[in-house]
Amino acid sequence: MPAVEDFSTIAIDGTPHDLARYRGQVVLVVNTASACGFTPQFAGLEALWQRERARGLVVLGFPCNQFGGQDPGSDAEIGAFCQRNYGVSFPMMSRTEVNGDGADPLFRWLTSEAPGLLGTRAIKWNFTKFLIGRNGHVLGRYAPQTSPAKLQADIDAALGAQ
């Protein structure tokens, strides 16, 4: 059975990013956008990262332009926007497709492991979140409107699990 550490991606700076580096950590994967009503969630994601990374939490942002064209910039522009406006220091990946024929294999796996409402696999909008436990398997899927702060109890439970 696949686990998060079986996947690799491209970081926002264009370098390969093997997710095996997060083996044994709790990972929060979020498809993000720079011009979305949920974009202010970057602040909450950064707060989670700053507060919990010493305990083993990793936040990974995956910019996506599939929802209303809300992240049309280059990777460099997206990275600069996130850092300048929200102080984002957690790892950001290259712009990624999360649905359809071009969907990144990581997101195909995430959506098969944690389907949405009524069993749908497609991601409906920006800032859908997936929490992955220390064992590399998906613990939960959260809707875009679920603020990062509302994930704290589930993150605490996952971080406490060795």
C-alpha atoms as a PDB file:
ATOM      1  CA  MET A   1       0.000   0.000   0.000  1.00  0.00           C
ATOM      2  CA  PRO A   2       1.533   3.360  -1.005  1.00  0.00           C
ATOM      3  CA  ALA A   3       2.426   5.984   1.574  1.00  0.00           C
ATOM      4  CA  VAL A   4       3.292   9.672   1.240  1.00  0.00           C
ATOM      5  CA  GLU A   5       7.018   8.916   1.261  1.00  0.00           C
ATOM      6  CA  ASP A   6       6.597   6.975  -1.994  1.00  0.00           C
ATOM      7  CA  PHE A   7       5.990  10.194  -3.937  1.00  0.00           C
ATOM      8  CA  SER A   8       8.187  12.970  -5.201  1.00  0.00           C
ATOM      9  CA  THR A   9       7.405  16.378  -6.602  1.00  0.00           C
ATOM     10  CA  ILE A  10       9.106  19.571  -7.694  1.00  0.00           C
ATOM     11  CA  ALA A  11       9.746  22.384  -5.212  1.00  0.00           C
ATOM     12  CA  ILE A  12       8.747  25.922  -6.107  1.00  0.00           C
ATOM     13  CA  ASP A  13      12.401  26.675  -6.904  1.00  0.00           C
ATOM     14  CA  GLY A  14      12.387  23.934  -9.564  1.00  0.00           C
ATOM     15  CA  THR A  15      14.406  21.346  -7.640  1.00  0.00           C
ATOM     16  CA  PRO A  16      13.268  17.746  -7.100  1.00  0.00           C
ATOM     17  CA  HIS A  17      11.550  17.247  -3.745  1.00  0.00           C
ATOM     18  CA  ASP A  18      11.376  13.648  -2.549  1.00  0.00           C
ATOM     19  CA  LEU A  19       8.662  13.218   0.074  1.00  0.00           C
ATOM     20  CA  ALA A  20      10.610  10.342   1.667  1.00  0.00           C
ATOM     21  CA  ARG A  21      12.394  13.096   3.616  1.00  0.00           C
ATOM     22  CA  TYR A  22       9.213  13.359   5.726  1.00  0.00           C
ATOM     23  CA  ARG A  23       9.105   9.702   6.781  1.00  0.00           C
ATOM     24  CA  GLY A  24       7.924   9.519  10.392  1.00  0.00           C
ATOM     25  CA  GLN A  25       6.528  13.054  10.415  1.00  0.00           C
ATOM     26  CA  VAL A  26       2.960  14.343  10.267  1.00  0.00           C
ATOM     27  CA  VAL A  27       2.327  16.046   6.923  1.00  0.00           C
ATOM     28  CA  LEU A  28      -0.379  18.546   6.031  1.00  0.00           C
ATOM     29  CA  VAL A  29      -0.788  18.837   2.246  1.00  0.00           C
ATOM     30  CA  VAL A  30      -2.744  21.857   0.976  1.00  0.00           C
ATOM     31  CA  ASN A  31      -3.578  22.933  -2.563  1.00  0.00           C
ATOM     32  CA  THR A  32      -3.205  26.705  -2.430  1.00  0.00           C
ATOM     33  CA  ALA A  33      -3.931  29.794  -4.528  1.00  0.00           C
ATOM     34  CA  SER A  34      -2.761  33.391  -4.337  1.00  0.00           C
ATOM     35  CA  ALA A  35      -5.993  35.114  -5.381  1.00  0.00           C
ATOM     36  CA  CYS A  36      -8.710  33.134  -3.629  1.00  0.00           C
ATOM     37  CA  GLY A  37     -11.120  34.081  -0.880  1.00  0.00           C
ATOM     38  CA  PHE A  38      -9.325  31.479   1.240  1.00  0.00           C
ATOM     39  CA  THR A  39      -5.830  32.889   0.529  1.00  0.00           C
ATOM     40  CA  PRO A  40      -5.633  34.434   4.039  1.00  0.00           C
ATOM     41  CA  GLN A  41      -5.378  30.834   5.308  1.00  0.00           C
ATOM     42  CA  PHE A  42      -1.677  31.093   4.426  1.00  0.00           C
ATOM     43  CA  ALA A  43      -1.283  32.970   7.726  1.00  0.00           C
ATOM     44  CA  GLY A  44      -2.876  30.127   9.678  1.00  0.00           C
ATOM     45  CA  LEU A  45      -0.854  27.503   7.839  1.00  0.00           C
ATOM     46  CA  GLU A  46       2.346  29.411   8.613  1.00  0.00           C
ATOM     47  CA  ALA A  47       1.298  29.671  12.277  1.00  0.00           C
ATOM     48  CA  LEU A  48       0.753  25.883  12.431  1.00  0.00           C
ATOM     49  CA  TRP A  49       4.147  25.300  10.813  1.00  0.00           C
ATOM     50  CA  GLN A  50       5.937  27.639  13.202  1.00  0.00           C
ATOM     51  CA  ARG A  51       4.199  26.267  16.280  1.00  0.00           C
ATOM     52  CA  GLU A  52       4.309  22.526  15.514  1.00  0.00           C
ATOM     53  CA  ARG A  53       7.277  21.813  13.276  1.00  0.00           C
ATOM     54  CA  ALA A  54       9.554  21.046  16.237  1.00  0.00           C
ATOM     55  CA  ARG A  55       7.045  18.329  17.200  1.00  0.00           C
ATOM     56  CA  GLY A  56       7.187  16.842  13.694  1.00  0.00           C
ATOM     57  CA  LEU A  57       4.571  18.661  11.599  1.00  0.00           C
ATOM     58  CA  VAL A  58       5.370  19.532   8.003  1.00  0.00           C
ATOM     59  CA  VAL A  59       3.082  21.822   5.996  1.00  0.00           C
ATOM     60  CA  LEU A  60       3.394  21.460   2.215  1.00  0.00           C
ATOM     61  CA  GLY A  61       1.765  23.993  -0.104  1.00  0.00           C
ATOM     62  CA  PHE A  62       0.890  23.066  -3.680  1.00  0.00           C
ATOM     63  CA  PRO A  63      -0.186  26.100  -5.724  1.00  0.00           C
ATOM     64  CA  CYS A  64      -2.951  25.244  -8.172  1.00  0.00           C
ATOM     65  CA  ASN A  65      -4.520  27.283 -10.970  1.00  0.00           C
ATOM     66  CA  GLN A  66      -7.382  24.868 -11.732  1.00  0.00           C
ATOM     67  CA  PHE A  67     -10.040  26.712  -9.744  1.00  0.00           C
ATOM     68  CA  GLY A  68     -11.086  30.002 -11.269  1.00  0.00           C
ATOM     69  CA  GLY A  69      -7.563  30.729 -12.530  1.00  0.00           C
ATOM     70  CA  GLN A  70      -6.664  31.988  -9.045  1.00  0.00           C
ATOM     71  CA  ASP A  71      -2.934  31.235  -9.216  1.00  0.00           C
ATOM     72  CA  PRO A  72      -1.826  32.257 -12.730  1.00  0.00           C
ATOM     73  CA  GLY A  73       1.661  33.529 -11.872  1.00  0.00           C
ATOM     74  CA  SER A  74       4.973  31.793 -12.345  1.00  0.00           C
ATOM     75  CA  ASP A  75       6.411  29.722  -9.521  1.00  0.00           C
ATOM     76  CA  ALA A  76       8.750  32.606  -8.685  1.00  0.00           C
ATOM     77  CA  GLU A  77       5.834  35.063  -8.529  1.00  0.00           C
ATOM     78  CA  ILE A  78       3.745  32.705  -6.401  1.00  0.00           C
ATOM     79  CA  GLY A  79       6.622  32.107  -3.976  1.00  0.00           C
ATOM     80  CA  ALA A  80       7.362  35.826  -3.670  1.00  0.00           C
ATOM     81  CA  PHE A  81       3.671  36.614  -3.076  1.00  0.00           C
ATOM     82  CA  CYS A  82       3.372  34.006  -0.316  1.00  0.00           C
ATOM     83  CA  GLN A  83       6.539  35.145   1.433  1.00  0.00           C
ATOM     84  CA  ARG A  84       5.851  38.876   1.072  1.00  0.00           C
ATOM     85  CA  ASN A  85       2.179  38.814   2.115  1.00  0.00           C
ATOM     86  CA  TYR A  86       2.056  35.951   4.620  1.00  0.00           C
ATOM     87  CA  GLY A  87       5.662  35.262   5.614  1.00  0.00           C
ATOM     88  CA  VAL A  88       5.370  31.723   4.286  1.00  0.00           C
ATOM     89  CA  SER A  89       8.443  29.704   5.193  1.00  0.00           C
ATOM     90  CA  PHE A  90       6.955  26.212   4.979  1.00  0.00           C
ATOM     91  CA  PRO A  91       7.866  24.216   1.850  1.00  0.00           C
ATOM     92  CA  MET A  92       6.014  25.285  -1.275  1.00  0.00           C
ATOM     93  CA  MET A  93       5.949  23.143  -4.389  1.00  0.00           C
ATOM     94  CA  SER A  94       5.760  24.037  -8.047  1.00  0.00           C
ATOM     95  CA  ARG A  95       2.292  24.811  -9.399  1.00  0.00           C
ATOM     96  CA  THR A  96       0.446  21.497  -9.525  1.00  0.00           C
ATOM     97  CA  GLU A  97      -2.683  20.072 -11.108  1.00  0.00           C
ATOM     98  CA  VAL A  98      -4.831  18.280  -8.549  1.00  0.00           C
ATOM     99  CA  ASN A  99      -7.688  17.068 -10.774  1.00  0.00           C
ATOM    100  CA  GLY A 100      -8.146  15.571 -14.212  1.00  0.00           C
ATOM    101  CA  ASP A 101      -5.866  13.736 -16.590  1.00  0.00           C
ATOM    102  CA  GLY A 102      -2.883  15.886 -15.609  1.00  0.00           C
ATOM    103  CA  ALA A 103      -3.354  15.445 -11.857  1.00  0.00           C
ATOM    104  CA  ASP A 104      -0.134  14.919  -9.947  1.00  0.00           C
ATOM    105  CA  PRO A 105       0.206  11.287  -8.736  1.00  0.00           C
ATOM    106  CA  LEU A 106       0.336  12.508  -5.127  1.00  0.00           C
ATOM    107  CA  PHE A 107      -3.107  14.095  -5.462  1.00  0.00           C
ATOM    108  CA  ARG A 108      -4.497  11.046  -7.256  1.00  0.00           C
ATOM    109  CA  TRP A 109      -3.374   8.997  -4.263  1.00  0.00           C
ATOM    110  CA  LEU A 110      -4.657  11.504  -1.683  1.00  0.00           C
ATOM    111  CA  THR A 111      -8.103  11.707  -3.241  1.00  0.00           C
ATOM    112  CA  SER A 112      -8.360   7.917  -3.535  1.00  0.00           C
ATOM    113  CA  GLU A 113      -7.342   7.487   0.115  1.00  0.00           C
ATOM    114  CA  ALA A 114      -9.662  10.220   1.396  1.00  0.00           C
ATOM    115  CA  PRO A 115     -12.610  10.840  -0.921  1.00  0.00           C
ATOM    116  CA  GLY A 116     -14.715  13.926  -0.413  1.00  0.00           C
ATOM    117  CA  LEU A 117     -18.404  14.233   0.321  1.00  0.00           C
ATOM    118  CA  LEU A 118     -20.521  11.448  -1.140  1.00  0.00           C
ATOM    119  CA  GLY A 119     -17.352   9.609  -2.152  1.00  0.00           C
ATOM    120  CA  THR A 120     -16.268  12.108  -4.782  1.00  0.00           C
ATOM    121  CA  ARG A 121     -12.567  12.038  -5.531  1.00  0.00           C
ATOM    122  CA  ALA A 122     -12.233  15.407  -7.222  1.00  0.00           C
ATOM    123  CA  ILE A 123     -10.962  18.333  -5.216  1.00  0.00           C
ATOM    124  CA  LYS A 124     -13.649  20.994  -5.300  1.00  0.00           C
ATOM    125  CA  TRP A 125     -11.641  24.147  -4.592  1.00  0.00           C
ATOM    126  CA  ASN A 126      -8.425  25.731  -3.362  1.00  0.00           C
ATOM    127  CA  PHE A 127      -7.255  25.069   0.200  1.00  0.00           C
ATOM    128  CA  THR A 128      -8.481  21.492   0.444  1.00  0.00           C
ATOM    129  CA  LYS A 129      -6.291  19.910   3.109  1.00  0.00           C
ATOM    130  CA  PHE A 130      -5.045  16.366   3.712  1.00  0.00           C
ATOM    131  CA  LEU A 131      -3.533  15.290   7.037  1.00  0.00           C
ATOM    132  CA  ILE A 132      -1.084  12.400   6.838  1.00  0.00           C
ATOM    133  CA  GLY A 133       0.055  10.502   9.917  1.00  0.00           C
ATOM    134  CA  ARG A 134       3.539   9.464  10.958  1.00  0.00           C
ATOM    135  CA  ASN A 135       2.943   6.110   9.255  1.00  0.00           C
ATOM    136  CA  GLY A 136       2.606   7.888   5.888  1.00  0.00           C
ATOM    137  CA  HIS A 137      -1.114   7.217   5.507  1.00  0.00           C
ATOM    138  CA  VAL A 138      -3.954   9.710   5.136  1.00  0.00           C
ATOM    139  CA  LEU A 139      -5.771  10.483   8.381  1.00  0.00           C
ATOM    140  CA  GLY A 140      -8.286  12.983   7.042  1.00  0.00           C
ATOM    141  CA  ARG A 141      -9.444  15.362   4.349  1.00  0.00           C
ATOM    142  CA  TYR A 142     -10.679  18.858   5.181  1.00  0.00           C
ATOM    143  CA  ALA A 143     -12.806  21.247   3.171  1.00  0.00           C
ATOM    144  CA  PRO A 144     -11.446  24.583   1.932  1.00  0.00           C
ATOM    145  CA  GLN A 145     -13.535  26.506   4.458  1.00  0.00           C
ATOM    146  CA  THR A 146     -11.982  24.563   7.364  1.00  0.00           C
ATOM    147  CA  SER A 147      -9.482  26.989   8.841  1.00  0.00           C
ATOM    148  CA  PRO A 148      -6.013  25.735   9.764  1.00  0.00           C
ATOM    149  CA  ALA A 149      -6.760  26.485  13.442  1.00  0.00           C
ATOM    150  CA  LYS A 150      -9.655  23.990  13.362  1.00  0.00           C
ATOM    151  CA  LEU A 151      -7.179  21.233  12.515  1.00  0.00           C
ATOM    152  CA  GLN A 152      -5.269  21.631  15.781  1.00  0.00           C
ATOM    153  CA  ALA A 153      -6.962  18.779  17.679  1.00  0.00           C
ATOM    154  CA  ASP A 154      -6.383  16.324  14.832  1.00  0.00           C
ATOM    155  CA  ILE A 155      -2.791  17.528  14.414  1.00  0.00           C
ATOM    156  CA  ASP A 156      -2.179  17.147  18.155  1.00  0.00           C
ATOM    157  CA  ALA A 157      -3.554  13.581  18.025  1.00  0.00           C
ATOM    158  CA  ALA A 158      -1.376  12.736  15.020  1.00  0.00           C
ATOM    159  CA  LEU A 159       1.737  14.273  16.555  1.00  0.00           C
ATOM    160  CA  GLY A 160       1.144  12.398  19.780  1.00  0.00           C
ATOM    161  CA  ALA A 161       0.987   9.091  17.958  1.00  0.00           C
ATOM    162  CA  GLN A 162       4.431   7.534  17.626  1.00  0.00           C
END
